[in-house]
Amino acid sequence: LKRGAAAVLALSLATSCVTIVVFLSLPEQLVSLFLDPADPARDAILATGAALLAVAALFQLVDGAQVIALGLLRGMQDARIPMVIAVIAYWAIGIPASYLLGFVLDLGGVGIWSGLVVGLGLAGVLMQHRFWCRAVPEAGRKFSR
């Protein structure tokens, strides 16, 4: 169980790292694919797009962590507490953080997405903790009998 979970996490991390490198090293090229070269707002759009891609890069990492943890917990037939964790992390933390960063601190779209990353990251950390500190030891006790 531990080896399989570690392998899945490593694969998710590797995939996220590839995406992160692409998003952070080629933001203008990626955003330019969707822009008219003659658009007078091109520079402003590229700057905003590059900032959003930086947040999307971090989003890739935390989303991978929480999706893997959620799948591992479901495989252990542990779905109720992860659902509660998700509701609290997304709705009680992520949405208010998005509002605070996006509107109160006036960071706009970057702030809104950053708040969602905060909620998703919290869900990932809590679900990973639940899997590694509770589910794995319980599985070890079940199979050692």
N, C-alpha and C. Protein backbone atom coordinates (compact mmCIF):
# COMPACT_ATOMS: atom_id res chain seq x y z
N LEU A 1 0.83 -1.19 0.00
CA LEU A 1 0.00 0.00 0.00
C LEU A 1 0.88 1.26 0.00
N LYS A 2 1.85 1.29 0.89
CA LYS A 2 2.71 2.47 0.98
C LYS A 2 3.49 2.69 -0.32
N ARG A 3 4.02 1.60 -0.87
CA ARG A 3 4.81 1.73 -2.11
C ARG A 3 3.95 2.19 -3.27
N GLY A 4 2.75 1.63 -3.38
CA GLY A 4 1.84 2.03 -4.45
C GLY A 4 1.43 3.49 -4.32
N ALA A 5 1.11 3.91 -3.10
CA ALA A 5 0.73 5.30 -2.87
C ALA A 5 1.90 6.24 -3.17
N ALA A 6 3.09 5.86 -2.74
CA ALA A 6 4.26 6.69 -3.02
C ALA A 6 4.53 6.78 -4.51
N ALA A 7 4.33 5.68 -5.24
CA ALA A 7 4.53 5.69 -6.69
C ALA A 7 3.53 6.61 -7.38
N VAL A 8 2.28 6.55 -6.96
CA VAL A 8 1.25 7.41 -7.55
C VAL A 8 1.55 8.88 -7.25
N LEU A 9 1.97 9.16 -6.04
CA LEU A 9 2.33 10.53 -5.70
C LEU A 9 3.52 11.02 -6.52
N ALA A 10 4.51 10.16 -6.69
CA ALA A 10 5.68 10.54 -7.48
C ALA A 10 5.30 10.81 -8.93
N LEU A 11 4.45 9.98 -9.51
CA LEU A 11 4.00 10.21 -10.88
C LEU A 11 3.20 11.50 -11.00
N SER A 12 2.35 11.77 -10.04
CA SER A 12 1.58 13.01 -10.05
C SER A 12 2.51 14.21 -9.93
N LEU A 13 3.49 14.12 -9.04
CA LEU A 13 4.45 15.22 -8.87
C LEU A 13 5.25 15.44 -10.15
N ALA A 14 5.68 14.37 -10.78
CA ALA A 14 6.45 14.50 -12.02
C ALA A 14 5.62 15.16 -13.12
N THR A 15 4.37 14.73 -13.24
CA THR A 15 3.49 15.32 -14.25
C THR A 15 3.23 16.79 -13.94
N SER A 16 3.00 17.09 -12.68
CA SER A 16 2.78 18.49 -12.28
C SER A 16 4.02 19.33 -12.56
N CYS A 17 5.18 18.78 -12.30
CA CYS A 17 6.42 19.53 -12.53
C CYS A 17 6.61 19.87 -14.01
N VAL A 18 6.26 18.94 -14.88
CA VAL A 18 6.35 19.23 -16.32
C VAL A 18 5.44 20.39 -16.67
N THR A 19 4.21 20.33 -16.21
CA THR A 19 3.25 21.40 -16.48
C THR A 19 3.73 22.72 -15.88
N ILE A 20 4.24 22.68 -14.67
CA ILE A 20 4.73 23.88 -14.00
C ILE A 20 5.86 24.51 -14.81
N VAL A 21 6.79 23.70 -15.26
CA VAL A 21 7.91 24.23 -16.06
C VAL A 21 7.40 24.89 -17.33
N VAL A 22 6.46 24.24 -18.01
CA VAL A 22 5.91 24.82 -19.24
C VAL A 22 5.18 26.14 -18.94
N PHE A 23 4.33 26.14 -17.92
CA PHE A 23 3.58 27.36 -17.59
C PHE A 23 4.49 28.51 -17.19
N LEU A 24 5.55 28.21 -16.43
CA LEU A 24 6.42 29.28 -15.95
C LEU A 24 7.47 29.72 -16.97
N SER A 25 7.86 28.83 -17.86
CA SER A 25 8.91 29.20 -18.82
C SER A 25 8.37 29.72 -20.15
N LEU A 26 7.12 29.43 -20.47
CA LEU A 26 6.56 29.84 -21.77
C LEU A 26 5.22 30.57 -21.65
N PRO A 27 5.05 31.44 -20.66
CA PRO A 27 3.72 32.03 -20.50
C PRO A 27 3.30 32.90 -21.69
N GLU A 28 4.20 33.71 -22.19
CA GLU A 28 3.83 34.59 -23.30
C GLU A 28 3.50 33.79 -24.56
N GLN A 29 4.26 32.74 -24.81
CA GLN A 29 4.00 31.92 -25.99
C GLN A 29 2.64 31.22 -25.88
N LEU A 30 2.33 30.73 -24.69
CA LEU A 30 1.05 30.05 -24.50
C LEU A 30 -0.13 31.02 -24.65
N VAL A 31 -0.03 32.17 -24.00
CA VAL A 31 -1.12 33.14 -24.08
C VAL A 31 -1.23 33.70 -25.50
N SER A 32 -0.12 33.87 -26.18
CA SER A 32 -0.12 34.41 -27.54
C SER A 32 -0.87 33.53 -28.52
N LEU A 33 -0.98 32.24 -28.22
CA LEU A 33 -1.74 31.35 -29.10
C LEU A 33 -3.20 31.78 -29.24
N PHE A 34 -3.69 32.53 -28.27
CA PHE A 34 -5.10 32.93 -28.25
C PHE A 34 -5.31 34.42 -28.54
N LEU A 35 -4.25 35.11 -28.96
CA LEU A 35 -4.34 36.55 -29.18
C LEU A 35 -4.09 36.92 -30.64
N ASP A 36 -4.73 37.99 -31.04
CA ASP A 36 -4.46 38.60 -32.33
C ASP A 36 -3.20 39.46 -32.16
N PRO A 37 -2.18 39.24 -33.00
CA PRO A 37 -0.95 40.03 -32.86
C PRO A 37 -1.18 41.54 -32.96
N ALA A 38 -2.24 41.97 -33.62
CA ALA A 38 -2.51 43.39 -33.79
C ALA A 38 -3.37 43.97 -32.66
N ASP A 39 -3.77 43.17 -31.70
CA ASP A 39 -4.63 43.64 -30.60
C ASP A 39 -3.89 44.71 -29.81
N PRO A 40 -4.49 45.90 -29.67
CA PRO A 40 -3.81 46.98 -28.92
C PRO A 40 -3.64 46.67 -27.43
N ALA A 41 -4.45 45.77 -26.90
CA ALA A 41 -4.34 45.41 -25.48
C ALA A 41 -3.44 44.20 -25.27
N ARG A 42 -2.72 43.81 -26.29
CA ARG A 42 -1.90 42.60 -26.25
C ARG A 42 -0.94 42.56 -25.06
N ASP A 43 -0.22 43.63 -24.79
CA ASP A 43 0.76 43.63 -23.70
C ASP A 43 0.09 43.45 -22.33
N ALA A 44 -1.03 44.12 -22.14
CA ALA A 44 -1.75 43.98 -20.86
C ALA A 44 -2.30 42.56 -20.71
N ILE A 45 -2.81 42.01 -21.81
CA ILE A 45 -3.34 40.65 -21.76
C ILE A 45 -2.23 39.65 -21.48
N LEU A 46 -1.08 39.85 -22.11
CA LEU A 46 0.06 38.95 -21.87
C LEU A 46 0.52 39.01 -20.42
N ALA A 47 0.54 40.19 -19.84
CA ALA A 47 0.97 40.32 -18.43
C ALA A 47 -0.02 39.62 -17.51
N THR A 48 -1.30 39.83 -17.75
CA THR A 48 -2.32 39.17 -16.92
C THR A 48 -2.28 37.66 -17.12
N GLY A 49 -2.14 37.25 -18.37
CA GLY A 49 -2.08 35.82 -18.67
C GLY A 49 -0.88 35.15 -18.03
N ALA A 50 0.27 35.82 -18.04
CA ALA A 50 1.47 35.26 -17.40
C ALA A 50 1.26 35.11 -15.89
N ALA A 51 0.63 36.10 -15.27
CA ALA A 51 0.35 36.02 -13.83
C ALA A 51 -0.62 34.87 -13.53
N LEU A 52 -1.65 34.74 -14.36
CA LEU A 52 -2.61 33.65 -14.16
C LEU A 52 -1.98 32.29 -14.39
N LEU A 53 -1.07 32.20 -15.34
CA LEU A 53 -0.38 30.91 -15.57
C LEU A 53 0.53 30.56 -14.39
N ALA A 54 1.11 31.56 -13.74
CA ALA A 54 1.92 31.28 -12.54
C ALA A 54 1.05 30.68 -11.44
N VAL A 55 -0.16 31.23 -11.27
CA VAL A 55 -1.09 30.67 -10.28
C VAL A 55 -1.54 29.29 -10.72
N ALA A 56 -1.77 29.13 -12.02
CA ALA A 56 -2.19 27.81 -12.54
C ALA A 56 -1.10 26.77 -12.32
N ALA A 57 0.15 27.19 -12.37
CA ALA A 57 1.25 26.25 -12.11
C ALA A 57 1.17 25.73 -10.68
N LEU A 58 0.95 26.61 -9.74
CA LEU A 58 0.81 26.19 -8.34
C LEU A 58 -0.46 25.36 -8.16
N PHE A 59 -1.52 25.74 -8.87
CA PHE A 59 -2.77 24.99 -8.84
C PHE A 59 -2.55 23.55 -9.26
N GLN A 60 -1.73 23.33 -10.29
CA GLN A 60 -1.43 21.97 -10.77
C GLN A 60 -0.85 21.11 -9.64
N LEU A 61 0.06 21.70 -8.90
CA LEU A 61 0.73 20.96 -7.83
C LEU A 61 -0.25 20.57 -6.72
N VAL A 62 -1.00 21.56 -6.21
CA VAL A 62 -1.90 21.26 -5.08
C VAL A 62 -3.09 20.43 -5.53
N ASP A 63 -3.55 20.63 -6.76
CA ASP A 63 -4.66 19.82 -7.24
C ASP A 63 -4.24 18.36 -7.37
N GLY A 64 -3.04 18.12 -7.88
CA GLY A 64 -2.54 16.75 -7.97
C GLY A 64 -2.47 16.09 -6.60
N ALA A 65 -1.99 16.83 -5.62
CA ALA A 65 -1.87 16.28 -4.26
C ALA A 65 -3.24 15.91 -3.69
N GLN A 66 -4.21 16.79 -3.88
CA GLN A 66 -5.52 16.50 -3.27
C GLN A 66 -6.27 15.43 -4.06
N VAL A 67 -6.15 15.40 -5.36
CA VAL A 67 -6.83 14.36 -6.15
C VAL A 67 -6.27 12.98 -5.83
N ILE A 68 -4.96 12.88 -5.73
CA ILE A 68 -4.33 11.60 -5.40
C ILE A 68 -4.75 11.15 -4.00
N ALA A 69 -4.69 12.07 -3.04
CA ALA A 69 -5.07 11.72 -1.67
C ALA A 69 -6.53 11.29 -1.60
N LEU A 70 -7.40 12.01 -2.31
CA LEU A 70 -8.81 11.66 -2.31
C LEU A 70 -9.02 10.27 -2.92
N GLY A 71 -8.34 9.99 -4.01
CA GLY A 71 -8.45 8.66 -4.62
C GLY A 71 -7.93 7.56 -3.71
N LEU A 72 -6.81 7.82 -3.04
CA LEU A 72 -6.26 6.83 -2.12
C LEU A 72 -7.22 6.57 -0.96
N LEU A 73 -7.80 7.64 -0.44
CA LEU A 73 -8.74 7.47 0.67
C LEU A 73 -10.00 6.74 0.23
N ARG A 74 -10.48 7.04 -0.96
CA ARG A 74 -11.65 6.31 -1.48
C ARG A 74 -11.33 4.83 -1.65
N GLY A 75 -10.12 4.55 -2.09
CA GLY A 75 -9.69 3.16 -2.22
C GLY A 75 -9.65 2.44 -0.89
N MET A 76 -9.45 3.20 0.17
CA MET A 76 -9.46 2.63 1.53
C MET A 76 -10.88 2.63 2.12
N GLN A 77 -11.85 2.98 1.28
CA GLN A 77 -13.26 3.09 1.67
C GLN A 77 -13.46 4.14 2.76
N ASP A 78 -12.70 5.21 2.64
CA ASP A 78 -12.80 6.35 3.55
C ASP A 78 -13.26 7.53 2.71
N ALA A 79 -14.55 7.81 2.71
CA ALA A 79 -15.09 8.87 1.86
C ALA A 79 -15.80 9.98 2.64
N ARG A 80 -16.33 9.66 3.81
CA ARG A 80 -17.11 10.64 4.56
C ARG A 80 -16.26 11.80 5.07
N ILE A 81 -15.18 11.50 5.77
CA ILE A 81 -14.32 12.56 6.32
C ILE A 81 -13.64 13.35 5.19
N PRO A 82 -13.13 12.70 4.13
CA PRO A 82 -12.59 13.50 3.02
C PRO A 82 -13.62 14.45 2.41
N MET A 83 -14.89 14.04 2.38
CA MET A 83 -15.93 14.93 1.86
C MET A 83 -16.07 16.15 2.77
N VAL A 84 -16.04 15.93 4.07
CA VAL A 84 -16.13 17.04 5.03
C VAL A 84 -14.91 17.95 4.87
N ILE A 85 -13.74 17.34 4.74
CA ILE A 85 -12.51 18.13 4.53
C ILE A 85 -12.66 18.99 3.27
N ALA A 86 -13.14 18.40 2.20
CA ALA A 86 -13.29 19.13 0.94
C ALA A 86 -14.27 20.29 1.09
N VAL A 87 -15.41 20.04 1.71
CA VAL A 87 -16.41 21.11 1.89
C VAL A 87 -15.82 22.26 2.69
N ILE A 88 -15.15 21.95 3.78
CA ILE A 88 -14.57 23.01 4.62
C ILE A 88 -13.45 23.73 3.87
N ALA A 89 -12.56 22.97 3.24
CA ALA A 89 -11.43 23.59 2.56
C ALA A 89 -11.87 24.44 1.37
N TYR A 90 -12.82 23.95 0.59
CA TYR A 90 -13.24 24.68 -0.60
C TYR A 90 -14.17 25.84 -0.26
N TRP A 91 -15.21 25.56 0.53
CA TRP A 91 -16.25 26.55 0.76
C TRP A 91 -15.95 27.47 1.95
N ALA A 92 -15.41 26.95 3.03
CA ALA A 92 -15.17 27.79 4.21
C ALA A 92 -13.83 28.51 4.15
N ILE A 93 -12.87 27.97 3.40
CA ILE A 93 -11.54 28.59 3.31
C ILE A 93 -11.30 29.16 1.91
N GLY A 94 -11.45 28.34 0.87
CA GLY A 94 -11.11 28.75 -0.49
C GLY A 94 -11.94 29.91 -1.02
N ILE A 95 -13.24 29.82 -0.88
CA ILE A 95 -14.11 30.89 -1.40
C ILE A 95 -13.88 32.21 -0.65
N PRO A 96 -13.87 32.21 0.70
CA PRO A 96 -13.56 33.48 1.38
C PRO A 96 -12.16 34.01 1.05
N ALA A 97 -11.18 33.12 0.92
CA ALA A 97 -9.84 33.57 0.55
C ALA A 97 -9.85 34.19 -0.85
N SER A 98 -10.61 33.60 -1.76
CA SER A 98 -10.74 34.17 -3.10
C SER A 98 -11.36 35.56 -3.05
N TYR A 99 -12.40 35.70 -2.27
CA TYR A 99 -13.04 37.01 -2.14
C TYR A 99 -12.07 38.02 -1.55
N LEU A 100 -11.39 37.64 -0.47
CA LEU A 100 -10.45 38.54 0.19
C LEU A 100 -9.34 38.97 -0.77
N LEU A 101 -8.70 37.99 -1.42
CA LEU A 101 -7.59 38.31 -2.31
C LEU A 101 -8.05 39.02 -3.59
N GLY A 102 -9.16 38.57 -4.13
CA GLY A 102 -9.61 39.12 -5.40
C GLY A 102 -10.26 40.49 -5.30
N PHE A 103 -11.08 40.69 -4.25
CA PHE A 103 -11.86 41.92 -4.17
C PHE A 103 -11.40 42.86 -3.07
N VAL A 104 -11.18 42.35 -1.87
CA VAL A 104 -10.77 43.21 -0.76
C VAL A 104 -9.35 43.73 -1.00
N LEU A 105 -8.43 42.83 -1.36
CA LEU A 105 -7.05 43.25 -1.63
C LEU A 105 -6.85 43.67 -3.09
N ASP A 106 -7.93 43.61 -3.87
CA ASP A 106 -7.97 44.09 -5.25
C ASP A 106 -6.92 43.44 -6.16
N LEU A 107 -6.74 42.13 -6.01
CA LEU A 107 -5.81 41.41 -6.89
C LEU A 107 -6.50 40.85 -8.13
N GLY A 108 -7.79 41.04 -8.22
CA GLY A 108 -8.54 40.62 -9.41
C GLY A 108 -8.54 39.11 -9.61
N GLY A 109 -8.45 38.72 -10.87
CA GLY A 109 -8.49 37.30 -11.22
C GLY A 109 -7.38 36.50 -10.58
N VAL A 110 -6.21 37.09 -10.49
CA VAL A 110 -5.08 36.39 -9.86
C VAL A 110 -5.39 36.12 -8.39
N GLY A 111 -6.01 37.06 -7.71
CA GLY A 111 -6.38 36.87 -6.32
C GLY A 111 -7.47 35.82 -6.14
N ILE A 112 -8.44 35.84 -7.06
CA ILE A 112 -9.52 34.84 -6.98
C ILE A 112 -8.94 33.44 -7.14
N TRP A 113 -8.12 33.24 -8.15
CA TRP A 113 -7.53 31.92 -8.36
C TRP A 113 -6.55 31.55 -7.25
N SER A 114 -5.86 32.53 -6.69
CA SER A 114 -4.95 32.25 -5.57
C SER A 114 -5.72 31.77 -4.35
N GLY A 115 -6.88 32.35 -4.12
CA GLY A 115 -7.72 31.89 -3.01
C GLY A 115 -8.18 30.46 -3.21
N LEU A 116 -8.51 30.13 -4.45
CA LEU A 116 -8.90 28.74 -4.73
C LEU A 116 -7.73 27.79 -4.51
N VAL A 117 -6.52 28.25 -4.83
CA VAL A 117 -5.32 27.44 -4.58
C VAL A 117 -5.14 27.22 -3.08
N VAL A 118 -5.42 28.23 -2.29
CA VAL A 118 -5.32 28.10 -0.83
C VAL A 118 -6.27 27.00 -0.34
N GLY A 119 -7.52 27.04 -0.77
CA GLY A 119 -8.49 26.03 -0.36
C GLY A 119 -8.11 24.65 -0.83
N LEU A 120 -7.70 24.55 -2.07
CA LEU A 120 -7.30 23.27 -2.64
C LEU A 120 -6.05 22.73 -1.95
N GLY A 121 -5.11 23.63 -1.66
CA GLY A 121 -3.89 23.22 -0.96
C GLY A 121 -4.19 22.70 0.43
N LEU A 122 -5.10 23.38 1.13
CA LEU A 122 -5.49 22.91 2.47
C LEU A 122 -6.14 21.53 2.38
N ALA A 123 -7.02 21.34 1.41
CA ALA A 123 -7.65 20.03 1.22
C ALA A 123 -6.59 18.98 0.95
N GLY A 124 -5.62 19.30 0.11
CA GLY A 124 -4.55 18.35 -0.21
C GLY A 124 -3.73 17.97 1.01
N VAL A 125 -3.36 18.96 1.79
CA VAL A 125 -2.55 18.70 2.99
C VAL A 125 -3.34 17.84 3.99
N LEU A 126 -4.59 18.21 4.23
CA LEU A 126 -5.39 17.47 5.22
C LEU A 126 -5.69 16.04 4.75
N MET A 127 -5.97 15.88 3.47
CA MET A 127 -6.26 14.53 2.96
C MET A 127 -5.00 13.67 2.91
N GLN A 128 -3.88 14.26 2.53
CA GLN A 128 -2.62 13.52 2.56
C GLN A 128 -2.30 13.09 4.00
N HIS A 129 -2.50 14.01 4.92
CA HIS A 129 -2.25 13.69 6.34
C HIS A 129 -3.15 12.55 6.79
N ARG A 130 -4.42 12.62 6.42
CA ARG A 130 -5.34 11.56 6.82
C ARG A 130 -4.91 10.21 6.24
N PHE A 131 -4.51 10.22 4.97
CA PHE A 131 -4.10 8.95 4.36
C PHE A 131 -2.85 8.39 5.03
N TRP A 132 -1.81 9.19 5.15
CA TRP A 132 -0.53 8.67 5.64
C TRP A 132 -0.52 8.43 7.14
N CYS A 133 -1.27 9.19 7.91
CA CYS A 133 -1.23 9.06 9.38
C CYS A 133 -2.37 8.22 9.96
N ARG A 134 -3.42 8.01 9.17
CA ARG A 134 -4.53 7.24 9.70
C ARG A 134 -4.83 6.00 8.86
N ALA A 135 -5.03 6.18 7.58
CA ALA A 135 -5.45 5.06 6.73
C ALA A 135 -4.36 4.03 6.57
N VAL A 136 -3.13 4.46 6.33
CA VAL A 136 -2.04 3.50 6.13
C VAL A 136 -1.78 2.67 7.39
N PRO A 137 -1.67 3.30 8.58
CA PRO A 137 -1.48 2.47 9.78
C PRO A 137 -2.66 1.51 10.04
N GLU A 138 -3.90 1.96 9.77
CA GLU A 138 -5.06 1.09 9.96
C GLU A 138 -5.00 -0.10 9.01
N ALA A 139 -4.60 0.15 7.78
CA ALA A 139 -4.49 -0.95 6.81
C ALA A 139 -3.42 -1.94 7.26
N GLY A 140 -2.35 -1.44 7.81
CA GLY A 140 -1.29 -2.32 8.31
C GLY A 140 -1.78 -3.21 9.43
N ARG A 141 -2.62 -2.67 10.30
CA ARG A 141 -3.18 -3.46 11.41
C ARG A 141 -4.14 -4.53 10.87
N LYS A 142 -4.94 -4.19 9.86
CA LYS A 142 -5.91 -5.13 9.30
C LYS A 142 -5.20 -6.31 8.66
N PHE A 143 -4.12 -6.03 7.93
CA PHE A 143 -3.45 -7.08 7.17
C PHE A 143 -2.43 -7.86 7.99
N SER A 144 -2.08 -7.38 9.18
CA SER A 144 -1.10 -8.09 9.98
C SER A 144 -1.76 -9.13 10.89
N ARG A 145 -3.06 -9.14 10.94
CA ARG A 145 -3.76 -10.09 11.82
C ARG A 145 -3.82 -11.45 11.23
